[in-house]
Amino acid sequence: MSRKHRHEEHEEHVDESWLIPYADLLTLLLALFIVLYSMNSVDVKKFEEMSQAFSVALSTGSGILTETAIVKSGDDDGKKQDEAGGVIDSKDESKEDSEDKDQTAEEKAREAIMEQEQKDLEDLKKKIDAYIEKNGLTTDLETKLNLSQLMITISDNALFPPAQATVKTESRELAVAIGKMLQQYPDYEVIVSGHTDTTPISTVFFKSNWDLSSMRAIRFMDILLENKQLKPERFSAIGYGEYRPVADNKTATGKSKNRRVEVSIMHSYSNEANAQKLAVTK
């Protein structure tokens, strides 16, 4: 009798197609919770990154878990990745920001110095012009203010006898008055320069116009510095002889204009030490 083999019926394969939408649903829920979590702390950059990741998940249903973290945070050394995958050191960023702030502070300080100095020299010019007007010296003195200096031009006739460097007794009052006005602005550089015409000179006291112009500048500066409120280290005297004329030496009028003493009160806002000092005090 032949043995009948009993064939067991195989169970049908379980349909697992439901796992796909289930996994998508979990992925979307995970993305949703991550977005909600990131929105809890207001960080615009993180929110944009979360939104981008959420859009990827909605459009493709994949890719949301390809990275270990949606937001790439800095490591222990304070480094982070940029969009191109490069490494940016946040310490370097902080250093650059600090340098930019320092530069801005210096620029603002320099601007403040420029404004203050311009105001000071404008005030000084007004005081000198008022003195000139009050004492009837409009033909002998002139003031000019530009971006580099306030210049006081004094005719030699108002200060010195011909071919001499001794200040006239009646003219000492003018030098003293200018010194008193300058003492209110003690931190400016002051240059006193002497000028002559082209008429040659050769005497026991002066070998040339160089000598005469230099000595006139020094003698006038001496009277200014009789005012002890002024700082001698900020003063200097220069003789230019006939080599910086302001008029034609072919006429008597031109020669008269060229014989002069100039007192220049110089702007100093280009001085970095002043800018840094002002920035510190702000």
Foldseek 3Di string as FASTA:
>chain_A
DDDDDDDDDDDDDDDPPVVLVVLLVVLLVVLVVVLVVVVVDDDVVVNVLSVVLNVCCVVPVDDNVPDVDSDFAADPQQWTADPVRDIDRVVVVVVVVVVVVVVVLLVVLLVVLQVVVVVLLVVLQVVVVVVCVVVVPVVAWDWDDDSWWIKIKGFVVLFDDPPDQHGDPVNLVVLCVNLVSCLVVQPWAKEKWWEAAPDFDPDPQDRTLQSNGQSNSVNSVVSSVVPVSHDVVRYDYGYDYNPDFPADSVDPVSRRRRGIMMMIGTRDSVDSVSSVVSSVVD
